[in-house]
Amino acid sequence: MKPVHFVGASREDLRDLPESVQETAGFQLFKVQQGKEPDDWKPMASIGSGVQEIRVRDDTGIYRVFYVAKFQEAVYVLHVFKKRSQKTARPDIELGQSRYADLLMWRREVGL
C-alpha cells in the first residue's frame, strides 16, 4: 500500500474541513492507497499529468481533493478545498498547478 504525502498546507486544509468531510476524503484516499479508484472522481489534466480530484459532497457543501497517484512511491495530496461555485476557482487551479510543479522539482532533486 502506498503512503500518502501531503504537499504544502494540504494536510492542514483537510483538517480544517468538517469531520464528516475529513472521514469521507480519508476513506477515498485509503482506496487510492490500495490501488483502487475513489467513488467519485475525475481527471484534472489542467493541474498536471496524472492529477485527479476526489469529489465530496455533504450537507455543509462541496469539497475537492487534488491528488496524484501515478508515482510508484506514494500518493501525493496537492490541494484540499471547499468549492464555492460551479466552476473550480482559478486560485484553486493555480495552487494545484504550483504544488504539482513543486512536487516534480522535489522528485528530480531527490532522484525519484
PDB file of N, CA and C in Angstrom:
ATOM      1  N   MET A   1       0.852  -1.185   0.000  1.00  0.00           N
ATOM      2  CA  MET A   1       0.000   0.000   0.000  1.00  0.00           C
ATOM      3  C   MET A   1       0.892   1.241   0.000  1.00  0.00           C
ATOM      4  N   LYS A   2       0.559   2.185  -0.855  1.00  0.00           N
ATOM      5  CA  LYS A   2       1.338   3.422  -0.950  1.00  0.00           C
ATOM      6  C   LYS A   2       1.048   4.346   0.236  1.00  0.00           C
ATOM      7  N   PRO A   3       2.081   5.013   0.736  1.00  0.00           N
ATOM      8  CA  PRO A   3       1.819   6.045   1.747  1.00  0.00           C
ATOM      9  C   PRO A   3       1.206   7.278   1.090  1.00  0.00           C
ATOM     10  N   VAL A   4       0.565   8.109   1.904  1.00  0.00           N
ATOM     11  CA  VAL A   4       0.020   9.387   1.433  1.00  0.00           C
ATOM     12  C   VAL A   4       0.929  10.486   1.944  1.00  0.00           C
ATOM     13  N   HIS A   5       1.360  11.366   1.034  1.00  0.00           N
ATOM     14  CA  HIS A   5       2.160  12.532   1.407  1.00  0.00           C
ATOM     15  C   HIS A   5       1.379  13.785   1.029  1.00  0.00           C
ATOM     16  N   PHE A   6       1.378  14.743   1.926  1.00  0.00           N
ATOM     17  CA  PHE A   6       0.654  15.990   1.700  1.00  0.00           C
ATOM     18  C   PHE A   6       1.638  17.063   1.259  1.00  0.00           C
ATOM     19  N   VAL A   7       1.298  17.772   0.197  1.00  0.00           N
ATOM     20  CA  VAL A   7       2.142  18.825  -0.359  1.00  0.00           C
ATOM     21  C   VAL A   7       1.635  20.170   0.150  1.00  0.00           C
ATOM     22  N   GLY A   8       2.565  21.032   0.548  1.00  0.00           N
ATOM     23  CA  GLY A   8       2.183  22.354   1.038  1.00  0.00           C
ATOM     24  C   GLY A   8       1.331  22.234   2.286  1.00  0.00           C
ATOM     25  N   ALA A   9       0.276  23.019   2.349  1.00  0.00           N
ATOM     26  CA  ALA A   9      -0.618  23.047   3.519  1.00  0.00           C
ATOM     27  C   ALA A   9      -1.841  22.149   3.334  1.00  0.00           C
ATOM     28  N   SER A  10      -1.758  21.188   2.418  1.00  0.00           N
ATOM     29  CA  SER A  10      -2.949  20.377   2.129  1.00  0.00           C
ATOM     30  C   SER A  10      -3.423  19.568   3.338  1.00  0.00           C
ATOM     31  N   ARG A  11      -2.509  19.104   4.185  1.00  0.00           N
ATOM     32  CA  ARG A  11      -2.933  18.363   5.382  1.00  0.00           C
ATOM     33  C   ARG A  11      -3.726  19.281   6.317  1.00  0.00           C
ATOM     34  N   GLU A  12      -3.215  20.479   6.543  1.00  0.00           N
ATOM     35  CA  GLU A  12      -3.900  21.434   7.407  1.00  0.00           C
ATOM     36  C   GLU A  12      -5.249  21.835   6.811  1.00  0.00           C
ATOM     37  N   ASP A  13      -5.280  22.004   5.488  1.00  0.00           N
ATOM     38  CA  ASP A  13      -6.537  22.347   4.822  1.00  0.00           C
ATOM     39  C   ASP A  13      -7.573  21.239   5.023  1.00  0.00           C
ATOM     40  N   LEU A  14      -7.140  19.990   4.942  1.00  0.00           N
ATOM     41  CA  LEU A  14      -8.050  18.870   5.167  1.00  0.00           C
ATOM     42  C   LEU A  14      -8.551  18.874   6.609  1.00  0.00           C
ATOM     43  N   ARG A  15      -7.671  19.140   7.550  1.00  0.00           N
ATOM     44  CA  ARG A  15      -8.054  19.155   8.961  1.00  0.00           C
ATOM     45  C   ARG A  15      -9.014  20.296   9.306  1.00  0.00           C
ATOM     46  N   ASP A  16      -9.043  21.333   8.479  1.00  0.00           N
ATOM     47  CA  ASP A  16      -9.937  22.465   8.703  1.00  0.00           C
ATOM     48  C   ASP A  16     -11.368  22.195   8.214  1.00  0.00           C
ATOM     49  N   LEU A  17     -11.576  21.117   7.479  1.00  0.00           N
ATOM     50  CA  LEU A  17     -12.903  20.799   6.945  1.00  0.00           C
ATOM     51  C   LEU A  17     -13.753  20.110   8.005  1.00  0.00           C
ATOM     52  N   PRO A  18     -15.079  20.088   7.803  1.00  0.00           N
ATOM     53  CA  PRO A  18     -15.949  19.377   8.750  1.00  0.00           C
ATOM     54  C   PRO A  18     -15.513  17.911   8.900  1.00  0.00           C
ATOM     55  N   GLU A  19     -15.738  17.362  10.076  1.00  0.00           N
ATOM     56  CA  GLU A  19     -15.292  15.996  10.373  1.00  0.00           C
ATOM     57  C   GLU A  19     -15.849  14.976   9.384  1.00  0.00           C
ATOM     58  N   SER A  20     -17.100  15.134   8.996  1.00  0.00           N
ATOM     59  CA  SER A  20     -17.702  14.181   8.054  1.00  0.00           C
ATOM     60  C   SER A  20     -16.973  14.204   6.708  1.00  0.00           C
ATOM     61  N   VAL A  21     -16.542  15.379   6.286  1.00  0.00           N
ATOM     62  CA  VAL A  21     -15.815  15.508   5.022  1.00  0.00           C
ATOM     63  C   VAL A  21     -14.420  14.905   5.172  1.00  0.00           C
ATOM     64  N   GLN A  22     -13.779  15.140   6.307  1.00  0.00           N
ATOM     65  CA  GLN A  22     -12.466  14.545   6.565  1.00  0.00           C
ATOM     66  C   GLN A  22     -12.541  13.022   6.486  1.00  0.00           C
ATOM     67  N   GLU A  23     -13.580  12.453   7.105  1.00  0.00           N
ATOM     68  CA  GLU A  23     -13.727  10.999   7.106  1.00  0.00           C
ATOM     69  C   GLU A  23     -13.942  10.463   5.697  1.00  0.00           C
ATOM     70  N   THR A  24     -14.809  11.108   4.945  1.00  0.00           N
ATOM     71  CA  THR A  24     -15.086  10.657   3.578  1.00  0.00           C
ATOM     72  C   THR A  24     -13.838  10.787   2.705  1.00  0.00           C
ATOM     73  N   ALA A  25     -13.183  11.941   2.760  1.00  0.00           N
ATOM     74  CA  ALA A  25     -11.974  12.143   1.956  1.00  0.00           C
ATOM     75  C   ALA A  25     -10.889  11.150   2.372  1.00  0.00           C
ATOM     76  N   GLY A  26     -10.753  10.934   3.672  1.00  0.00           N
ATOM     77  CA  GLY A  26      -9.752   9.985   4.162  1.00  0.00           C
ATOM     78  C   GLY A  26     -10.011   8.576   3.666  1.00  0.00           C
ATOM     79  N   PHE A  27     -11.273   8.155   3.680  1.00  0.00           N
ATOM     80  CA  PHE A  27     -11.613   6.821   3.192  1.00  0.00           C
ATOM     81  C   PHE A  27     -11.324   6.713   1.692  1.00  0.00           C
ATOM     82  N   GLN A  28     -11.642   7.763   0.939  1.00  0.00           N
ATOM     83  CA  GLN A  28     -11.386   7.737  -0.504  1.00  0.00           C
ATOM     84  C   GLN A  28      -9.878   7.696  -0.794  1.00  0.00           C
ATOM     85  N   LEU A  29      -9.101   8.432  -0.016  1.00  0.00           N
ATOM     86  CA  LEU A  29      -7.638   8.374  -0.170  1.00  0.00           C
ATOM     87  C   LEU A  29      -7.104   6.993   0.197  1.00  0.00           C
ATOM     88  N   PHE A  30      -7.700   6.346   1.178  1.00  0.00           N
ATOM     89  CA  PHE A  30      -7.321   4.986   1.548  1.00  0.00           C
ATOM     90  C   PHE A  30      -7.542   4.037   0.371  1.00  0.00           C
ATOM     91  N   LYS A  31      -8.654   4.202  -0.337  1.00  0.00           N
ATOM     92  CA  LYS A  31      -8.913   3.383  -1.526  1.00  0.00           C
ATOM     93  C   LYS A  31      -7.822   3.608  -2.574  1.00  0.00           C
ATOM     94  N   VAL A  32      -7.435   4.875  -2.752  1.00  0.00           N
ATOM     95  CA  VAL A  32      -6.382   5.193  -3.717  1.00  0.00           C
ATOM     96  C   VAL A  32      -5.062   4.531  -3.292  1.00  0.00           C
ATOM     97  N   GLN A  33      -4.753   4.569  -2.001  1.00  0.00           N
ATOM     98  CA  GLN A  33      -3.546   3.919  -1.490  1.00  0.00           C
ATOM     99  C   GLN A  33      -3.511   2.442  -1.865  1.00  0.00           C
ATOM    100  N   GLN A  34      -4.669   1.821  -1.886  1.00  0.00           N
ATOM    101  CA  GLN A  34      -4.777   0.398  -2.197  1.00  0.00           C
ATOM    102  C   GLN A  34      -4.784   0.123  -3.701  1.00  0.00           C
ATOM    103  N   GLY A  35      -4.684   1.170  -4.503  1.00  0.00           N
ATOM    104  CA  GLY A  35      -4.688   0.996  -5.949  1.00  0.00           C
ATOM    105  C   GLY A  35      -6.080   0.973  -6.556  1.00  0.00           C
ATOM    106  N   LYS A  36      -7.083   1.333  -5.765  1.00  0.00           N
ATOM    107  CA  LYS A  36      -8.459   1.370  -6.250  1.00  0.00           C
ATOM    108  C   LYS A  36      -8.847   2.792  -6.633  1.00  0.00           C
ATOM    109  N   GLU A  37      -9.973   2.902  -7.325  1.00  0.00           N
ATOM    110  CA  GLU A  37     -10.481   4.226  -7.679  1.00  0.00           C
ATOM    111  C   GLU A  37     -11.399   4.741  -6.577  1.00  0.00           C
ATOM    112  N   PRO A  38     -11.374   6.058  -6.341  1.00  0.00           N
ATOM    113  CA  PRO A  38     -12.351   6.635  -5.402  1.00  0.00           C
ATOM    114  C   PRO A  38     -13.755   6.499  -5.985  1.00  0.00           C
ATOM    115  N   ASP A  39     -14.763   6.669  -5.129  1.00  0.00           N
ATOM    116  CA  ASP A  39     -16.151   6.532  -5.583  1.00  0.00           C
ATOM    117  C   ASP A  39     -16.552   7.616  -6.580  1.00  0.00           C
ATOM    118  N   ASP A  40     -16.104   8.843  -6.367  1.00  0.00           N
ATOM    119  CA  ASP A  40     -16.486   9.960  -7.229  1.00  0.00           C
ATOM    120  C   ASP A  40     -15.238  10.782  -7.523  1.00  0.00           C
ATOM    121  N   TRP A  41     -14.763  10.714  -8.754  1.00  0.00           N
ATOM    122  CA  TRP A  41     -13.520  11.402  -9.114  1.00  0.00           C
ATOM    123  C   TRP A  41     -13.560  11.783 -10.585  1.00  0.00           C
ATOM    124  N   LYS A  42     -12.612  12.648 -10.945  1.00  0.00           N
ATOM    125  CA  LYS A  42     -12.421  12.961 -12.364  1.00  0.00           C
ATOM    126  C   LYS A  42     -10.975  13.386 -12.569  1.00  0.00           C
ATOM    127  N   PRO A  43     -10.463  13.201 -13.788  1.00  0.00           N
ATOM    128  CA  PRO A  43      -9.097  13.635 -14.080  1.00  0.00           C
ATOM    129  C   PRO A  43      -9.019  15.157 -14.121  1.00  0.00           C
ATOM    130  N   MET A  44      -7.880  15.683 -13.708  1.00  0.00           N
ATOM    131  CA  MET A  44      -7.659  17.134 -13.707  1.00  0.00           C
ATOM    132  C   MET A  44      -6.386  17.451 -14.486  1.00  0.00           C
ATOM    133  N   ALA A  45      -6.433  17.202 -15.780  1.00  0.00           N
ATOM    134  CA  ALA A  45      -5.271  17.434 -16.634  1.00  0.00           C
ATOM    135  C   ALA A  45      -4.844  18.897 -16.613  1.00  0.00           C
ATOM    136  N   SER A  46      -5.760  19.800 -16.297  1.00  0.00           N
ATOM    137  CA  SER A  46      -5.415  21.222 -16.236  1.00  0.00           C
ATOM    138  C   SER A  46      -4.445  21.512 -15.087  1.00  0.00           C
ATOM    139  N   ILE A  47      -4.398  20.619 -14.095  1.00  0.00           N
ATOM    140  CA  ILE A  47      -3.464  20.771 -12.978  1.00  0.00           C
ATOM    141  C   ILE A  47      -2.113  20.174 -13.358  1.00  0.00           C
ATOM    142  N   GLY A  48      -2.143  18.984 -13.946  1.00  0.00           N
ATOM    143  CA  GLY A  48      -0.914  18.312 -14.346  1.00  0.00           C
ATOM    144  C   GLY A  48      -1.198  16.888 -14.774  1.00  0.00           C
ATOM    145  N   SER A  49      -0.238  16.269 -15.406  1.00  0.00           N
ATOM    146  CA  SER A  49      -0.369  14.907 -15.902  1.00  0.00           C
ATOM    147  C   SER A  49      -0.598  13.931 -14.747  1.00  0.00           C
ATOM    148  N   GLY A  50      -1.689  13.195 -14.807  1.00  0.00           N
ATOM    149  CA  GLY A  50      -1.981  12.199 -13.792  1.00  0.00           C
ATOM    150  C   GLY A  50      -2.714  12.723 -12.573  1.00  0.00           C
ATOM    151  N   VAL A  51      -2.983  14.015 -12.531  1.00  0.00           N
ATOM    152  CA  VAL A  51      -3.685  14.578 -11.369  1.00  0.00           C
ATOM    153  C   VAL A  51      -5.172  14.277 -11.490  1.00  0.00           C
ATOM    154  N   GLN A  52      -5.760  13.885 -10.357  1.00  0.00           N
ATOM    155  CA  GLN A  52      -7.186  13.599 -10.299  1.00  0.00           C
ATOM    156  C   GLN A  52      -7.785  14.364  -9.127  1.00  0.00           C
ATOM    157  N   GLU A  53      -9.102  14.480  -9.125  1.00  0.00           N
ATOM    158  CA  GLU A  53      -9.765  15.102  -7.987  1.00  0.00           C
ATOM    159  C   GLU A  53     -10.809  14.155  -7.432  1.00  0.00           C
ATOM    160  N   ILE A  54     -10.826  14.070  -6.107  1.00  0.00           N
ATOM    161  CA  ILE A  54     -11.881  13.360  -5.406  1.00  0.00           C
ATOM    162  C   ILE A  54     -12.965  14.388  -5.125  1.00  0.00           C
ATOM    163  N   ARG A  55     -14.209  14.005  -5.409  1.00  0.00           N
ATOM    164  CA  ARG A  55     -15.333  14.909  -5.187  1.00  0.00           C
ATOM    165  C   ARG A  55     -16.126  14.426  -3.975  1.00  0.00           C
ATOM    166  N   VAL A  56     -16.284  15.327  -3.011  1.00  0.00           N
ATOM    167  CA  VAL A  56     -17.016  15.010  -1.785  1.00  0.00           C
ATOM    168  C   VAL A  56     -18.143  16.027  -1.636  1.00  0.00           C
ATOM    169  N   ARG A  57     -19.319  15.523  -1.378  1.00  0.00           N
ATOM    170  CA  ARG A  57     -20.482  16.390  -1.165  1.00  0.00           C
ATOM    171  C   ARG A  57     -21.164  15.942   0.120  1.00  0.00           C
ATOM    172  N   ASP A  58     -21.486  16.914   0.973  1.00  0.00           N
ATOM    173  CA  ASP A  58     -22.293  16.616   2.151  1.00  0.00           C
ATOM    174  C   ASP A  58     -23.173  17.821   2.462  1.00  0.00           C
ATOM    175  N   ASP A  59     -23.840  17.794   3.596  1.00  0.00           N
ATOM    176  CA  ASP A  59     -24.781  18.864   3.952  1.00  0.00           C
ATOM    177  C   ASP A  59     -24.115  20.226   4.085  1.00  0.00           C
ATOM    178  N   THR A  60     -22.817  20.253   4.327  1.00  0.00           N
ATOM    179  CA  THR A  60     -22.109  21.526   4.538  1.00  0.00           C
ATOM    180  C   THR A  60     -21.544  22.113   3.255  1.00  0.00           C
ATOM    181  N   GLY A  61     -21.580  21.361   2.154  1.00  0.00           N
ATOM    182  CA  GLY A  61     -21.075  21.895   0.900  1.00  0.00           C
ATOM    183  C   GLY A  61     -20.430  20.859   0.009  1.00  0.00           C
ATOM    184  N   ILE A  62     -19.675  21.375  -0.957  1.00  0.00           N
ATOM    185  CA  ILE A  62     -18.984  20.550  -1.943  1.00  0.00           C
ATOM    186  C   ILE A  62     -17.483  20.775  -1.760  1.00  0.00           C
ATOM    187  N   TYR A  63     -16.726  19.685  -1.740  1.00  0.00           N
ATOM    188  CA  TYR A  63     -15.301  19.750  -1.446  1.00  0.00           C
ATOM    189  C   TYR A  63     -14.523  18.980  -2.501  1.00  0.00           C
ATOM    190  N   ARG A  64     -13.260  19.346  -2.656  1.00  0.00           N
ATOM    191  CA  ARG A  64     -12.406  18.700  -3.634  1.00  0.00           C
ATOM    192  C   ARG A  64     -11.041  18.387  -3.026  1.00  0.00           C
ATOM    193  N   VAL A  65     -10.460  17.266  -3.472  1.00  0.00           N
ATOM    194  CA  VAL A  65      -9.110  16.873  -3.088  1.00  0.00           C
ATOM    195  C   VAL A  65      -8.352  16.593  -4.385  1.00  0.00           C
ATOM    196  N   PHE A  66      -7.353  17.417  -4.703  1.00  0.00           N
ATOM    197  CA  PHE A  66      -6.487  17.160  -5.853  1.00  0.00           C
ATOM    198  C   PHE A  66      -5.367  16.241  -5.386  1.00  0.00           C
ATOM    199  N   TYR A  67      -5.139  15.170  -6.140  1.00  0.00           N
ATOM    200  CA  TYR A  67      -4.062  14.246  -5.775  1.00  0.00           C
ATOM    201  C   TYR A  67      -3.455  13.642  -7.026  1.00  0.00           C
ATOM    202  N   VAL A  68      -2.273  13.074  -6.859  1.00  0.00           N
ATOM    203  CA  VAL A  68      -1.633  12.338  -7.945  1.00  0.00           C
ATOM    204  C   VAL A  68      -1.136  11.017  -7.370  1.00  0.00           C
ATOM    205  N   ALA A  69      -1.499   9.928  -8.045  1.00  0.00           N
ATOM    206  CA  ALA A  69      -1.151   8.591  -7.559  1.00  0.00           C
ATOM    207  C   ALA A  69      -0.317   7.815  -8.573  1.00  0.00           C
ATOM    208  N   LYS A  70       0.135   8.466  -9.634  1.00  0.00           N
ATOM    209  CA  LYS A  70       0.835   7.750 -10.696  1.00  0.00           C
ATOM    210  C   LYS A  70       2.270   7.381 -10.335  1.00  0.00           C
ATOM    211  N   PHE A  71       2.803   7.969  -9.283  1.00  0.00           N
ATOM    212  CA  PHE A  71       4.177   7.672  -8.898  1.00  0.00           C
ATOM    213  C   PHE A  71       4.213   6.431  -8.011  1.00  0.00           C
ATOM    214  N   GLN A  72       5.225   5.611  -8.196  1.00  0.00           N
ATOM    215  CA  GLN A  72       5.308   4.332  -7.508  1.00  0.00           C
ATOM    216  C   GLN A  72       5.452   4.475  -5.995  1.00  0.00           C
ATOM    217  N   GLU A  73       6.121   5.541  -5.548  1.00  0.00           N
ATOM    218  CA  GLU A  73       6.482   5.638  -4.137  1.00  0.00           C
ATOM    219  C   GLU A  73       5.372   6.138  -3.220  1.00  0.00           C
ATOM    220  N   ALA A  74       4.393   6.886  -3.732  1.00  0.00           N
ATOM    221  CA  ALA A  74       3.400   7.476  -2.829  1.00  0.00           C
ATOM    222  C   ALA A  74       2.226   8.073  -3.596  1.00  0.00           C
ATOM    223  N   VAL A  75       1.175   8.353  -2.842  1.00  0.00           N
ATOM    224  CA  VAL A  75       0.052   9.173  -3.305  1.00  0.00           C
ATOM    225  C   VAL A  75       0.318  10.561  -2.731  1.00  0.00           C
ATOM    226  N   TYR A  76       0.282  11.579  -3.577  1.00  0.00           N
ATOM    227  CA  TYR A  76       0.546  12.944  -3.141  1.00  0.00           C
ATOM    228  C   TYR A  76      -0.742  13.765  -3.197  1.00  0.00           C
ATOM    229  N   VAL A  77      -1.113  14.341  -2.058  1.00  0.00           N
ATOM    230  CA  VAL A  77      -2.271  15.226  -1.997  1.00  0.00           C
ATOM    231  C   VAL A  77      -1.772  16.649  -2.236  1.00  0.00           C
ATOM    232  N   LEU A  78      -2.282  17.277  -3.287  1.00  0.00           N
ATOM    233  CA  LEU A  78      -1.801  18.588  -3.692  1.00  0.00           C
ATOM    234  C   LEU A  78      -2.601  19.739  -3.092  1.00  0.00           C
ATOM    235  N   HIS A  79      -3.922  19.567  -3.012  1.00  0.00           N
ATOM    236  CA  HIS A  79      -4.764  20.681  -2.566  1.00  0.00           C
ATOM    237  C   HIS A  79      -6.105  20.131  -2.094  1.00  0.00           C
ATOM    238  N   VAL A  80      -6.622  20.710  -1.020  1.00  0.00           N
ATOM    239  CA  VAL A  80      -7.920  20.344  -0.458  1.00  0.00           C
ATOM    240  C   VAL A  80      -8.682  21.639  -0.214  1.00  0.00           C
ATOM    241  N   PHE A  81      -9.940  21.705  -0.678  1.00  0.00           N
ATOM    242  CA  PHE A  81     -10.674  22.961  -0.543  1.00  0.00           C
ATOM    243  C   PHE A  81     -12.171  22.755  -0.656  1.00  0.00           C
ATOM    244  N   LYS A  82     -12.906  23.759  -0.190  1.00  0.00           N
ATOM    245  CA  LYS A  82     -14.353  23.803  -0.370  1.00  0.00           C
ATOM    246  C   LYS A  82     -14.632  24.532  -1.672  1.00  0.00           C
ATOM    247  N   LYS A  83     -15.453  23.923  -2.482  1.00  0.00           N
ATOM    248  CA  LYS A  83     -15.802  24.514  -3.766  1.00  0.00           C
ATOM    249  C   LYS A  83     -16.948  25.490  -3.556  1.00  0.00           C
ATOM    250  N   ARG A  84     -16.813  26.699  -4.068  1.00  0.00           N
ATOM    251  CA  ARG A  84     -17.796  27.743  -3.796  1.00  0.00           C
ATOM    252  C   ARG A  84     -18.635  28.119  -5.015  1.00  0.00           C
ATOM    253  N   SER A  85     -18.303  27.564  -6.172  1.00  0.00           N
ATOM    254  CA  SER A  85     -19.085  27.845  -7.373  1.00  0.00           C
ATOM    255  C   SER A  85     -19.063  26.613  -8.273  1.00  0.00           C
ATOM    256  N   GLN A  86     -19.875  26.644  -9.328  1.00  0.00           N
ATOM    257  CA  GLN A  86     -19.958  25.510 -10.248  1.00  0.00           C
ATOM    258  C   GLN A  86     -18.592  25.187 -10.856  1.00  0.00           C
ATOM    259  N   LYS A  87     -17.896  26.213 -11.263  1.00  0.00           N
ATOM    260  CA  LYS A  87     -16.584  26.052 -11.882  1.00  0.00           C
ATOM    261  C   LYS A  87     -15.501  26.162 -10.809  1.00  0.00           C
ATOM    262  N   THR A  88     -14.461  25.323 -10.926  1.00  0.00           N
ATOM    263  CA  THR A  88     -13.356  25.404  -9.969  1.00  0.00           C
ATOM    264  C   THR A  88     -12.676  26.763 -10.104  1.00  0.00           C
ATOM    265  N   ALA A  89     -12.509  27.441  -8.983  1.00  0.00           N
ATOM    266  CA  ALA A  89     -11.941  28.797  -8.988  1.00  0.00           C
ATOM    267  C   ALA A  89     -10.500  28.789  -9.480  1.00  0.00           C
ATOM    268  N   ARG A  90     -10.139  29.826 -10.205  1.00  0.00           N
ATOM    269  CA  ARG A  90      -8.806  29.978 -10.763  1.00  0.00           C
ATOM    270  C   ARG A  90      -7.715  29.858  -9.690  1.00  0.00           C
ATOM    271  N   PRO A  91      -7.863  30.509  -8.518  1.00  0.00           N
ATOM    272  CA  PRO A  91      -6.817  30.366  -7.492  1.00  0.00           C
ATOM    273  C   PRO A  91      -6.606  28.909  -7.042  1.00  0.00           C
ATOM    274  N   ASP A  92      -7.673  28.112  -7.012  1.00  0.00           N
ATOM    275  CA  ASP A  92      -7.521  26.700  -6.643  1.00  0.00           C
ATOM    276  C   ASP A  92      -6.775  25.926  -7.729  1.00  0.00           C
ATOM    277  N   ILE A  93      -7.087  26.209  -8.981  1.00  0.00           N
ATOM    278  CA  ILE A  93      -6.370  25.586 -10.098  1.00  0.00           C
ATOM    279  C   ILE A  93      -4.892  25.966 -10.034  1.00  0.00           C
ATOM    280  N   GLU A  94      -4.621  27.249  -9.868  1.00  0.00           N
ATOM    281  CA  GLU A  94      -3.231  27.724  -9.848  1.00  0.00           C
ATOM    282  C   GLU A  94      -2.445  27.152  -8.672  1.00  0.00           C
ATOM    283  N   LEU A  95      -3.082  27.033  -7.510  1.00  0.00           N
ATOM    284  CA  LEU A  95      -2.392  26.449  -6.357  1.00  0.00           C
ATOM    285  C   LEU A  95      -2.086  24.979  -6.617  1.00  0.00           C
ATOM    286  N   GLY A  96      -3.017  24.260  -7.193  1.00  0.00           N
ATOM    287  CA  GLY A  96      -2.767  22.864  -7.560  1.00  0.00           C
ATOM    288  C   GLY A  96      -1.618  22.739  -8.545  1.00  0.00           C
ATOM    289  N   GLN A  97      -1.596  23.606  -9.549  1.00  0.00           N
ATOM    290  CA  GLN A  97      -0.521  23.586 -10.545  1.00  0.00           C
ATOM    291  C   GLN A  97       0.830  23.886  -9.905  1.00  0.00           C
ATOM    292  N   SER A  98       0.855  24.871  -9.025  1.00  0.00           N
ATOM    293  CA  SER A  98       2.094  25.256  -8.358  1.00  0.00           C
ATOM    294  C   SER A  98       2.631  24.119  -7.486  1.00  0.00           C
ATOM    295  N   ARG A  99       1.750  23.489  -6.729  1.00  0.00           N
ATOM    296  CA  ARG A  99       2.184  22.384  -5.867  1.00  0.00           C
ATOM    297  C   ARG A  99       2.609  21.175  -6.687  1.00  0.00           C
ATOM    298  N   TYR A 100       1.964  20.947  -7.813  1.00  0.00           N
ATOM    299  CA  TYR A 100       2.376  19.857  -8.700  1.00  0.00           C
ATOM    300  C   TYR A 100       3.773  20.126  -9.255  1.00  0.00           C
ATOM    301  N   ALA A 101       4.014  21.356  -9.673  1.00  0.00           N
ATOM    302  CA  ALA A 101       5.349  21.725 -10.170  1.00  0.00           C
ATOM    303  C   ALA A 101       6.396  21.573  -9.067  1.00  0.00           C
ATOM    304  N   ASP A 102       6.060  21.989  -7.844  1.00  0.00           N
ATOM    305  CA  ASP A 102       6.981  21.827  -6.711  1.00  0.00           C
ATOM    306  C   ASP A 102       7.277  20.348  -6.457  1.00  0.00           C
ATOM    307  N   LEU A 103       6.238  19.521  -6.553  1.00  0.00           N
ATOM    308  CA  LEU A 103       6.416  18.087  -6.355  1.00  0.00           C
ATOM    309  C   LEU A 103       7.353  17.499  -7.401  1.00  0.00           C
ATOM    310  N   LEU A 104       7.158  17.862  -8.661  1.00  0.00           N
ATOM    311  CA  LEU A 104       8.022  17.351  -9.727  1.00  0.00           C
ATOM    312  C   LEU A 104       9.464  17.788  -9.525  1.00  0.00           C
ATOM    313  N   MET A 105       9.667  19.039  -9.117  1.00  0.00           N
ATOM    314  CA  MET A 105      11.013  19.540  -8.866  1.00  0.00           C
ATOM    315  C   MET A 105      11.657  18.771  -7.706  1.00  0.00           C
ATOM    316  N   TRP A 106      10.914  18.568  -6.631  1.00  0.00           N
ATOM    317  CA  TRP A 106      11.429  17.833  -5.478  1.00  0.00           C
ATOM    318  C   TRP A 106      11.804  16.400  -5.864  1.00  0.00           C
ATOM    319  N   ARG A 107      10.965  15.742  -6.663  1.00  0.00           N
ATOM    320  CA  ARG A 107      11.245  14.372  -7.083  1.00  0.00           C
ATOM    321  C   ARG A 107      12.527  14.309  -7.896  1.00  0.00           C
ATOM    322  N   ARG A 108      12.759  15.307  -8.750  1.00  0.00           N
ATOM    323  CA  ARG A 108      14.004  15.345  -9.532  1.00  0.00           C
ATOM    324  C   ARG A 108      15.207  15.528  -8.619  1.00  0.00           C
ATOM    325  N   GLU A 109      15.063  16.433  -7.644  1.00  0.00           N
ATOM    326  CA  GLU A 109      16.174  16.727  -6.738  1.00  0.00           C
ATOM    327  C   GLU A 109      16.584  15.512  -5.905  1.00  0.00           C
ATOM    328  N   VAL A 110      15.613  14.715  -5.490  1.00  0.00           N
ATOM    329  CA  VAL A 110      15.926  13.548  -4.669  1.00  0.00           C
ATOM    330  C   VAL A 110      16.171  12.284  -5.501  1.00  0.00           C
ATOM    331  N   GLY A 111      16.047  12.405  -6.804  1.00  0.00           N
ATOM    332  CA  GLY A 111      16.363  11.300  -7.697  1.00  0.00           C
ATOM    333  C   GLY A 111      15.278  10.244  -7.839  1.00  0.00           C
ATOM    334  N   LEU A 112      14.032  10.655  -7.725  1.00  0.00           N
ATOM    335  CA  LEU A 112      12.920   9.706  -7.922  1.00  0.00           C
ATOM    336  C   LEU A 112      12.436   9.726  -9.349  1.00  0.00           C
TER     337      LEU A 112
END
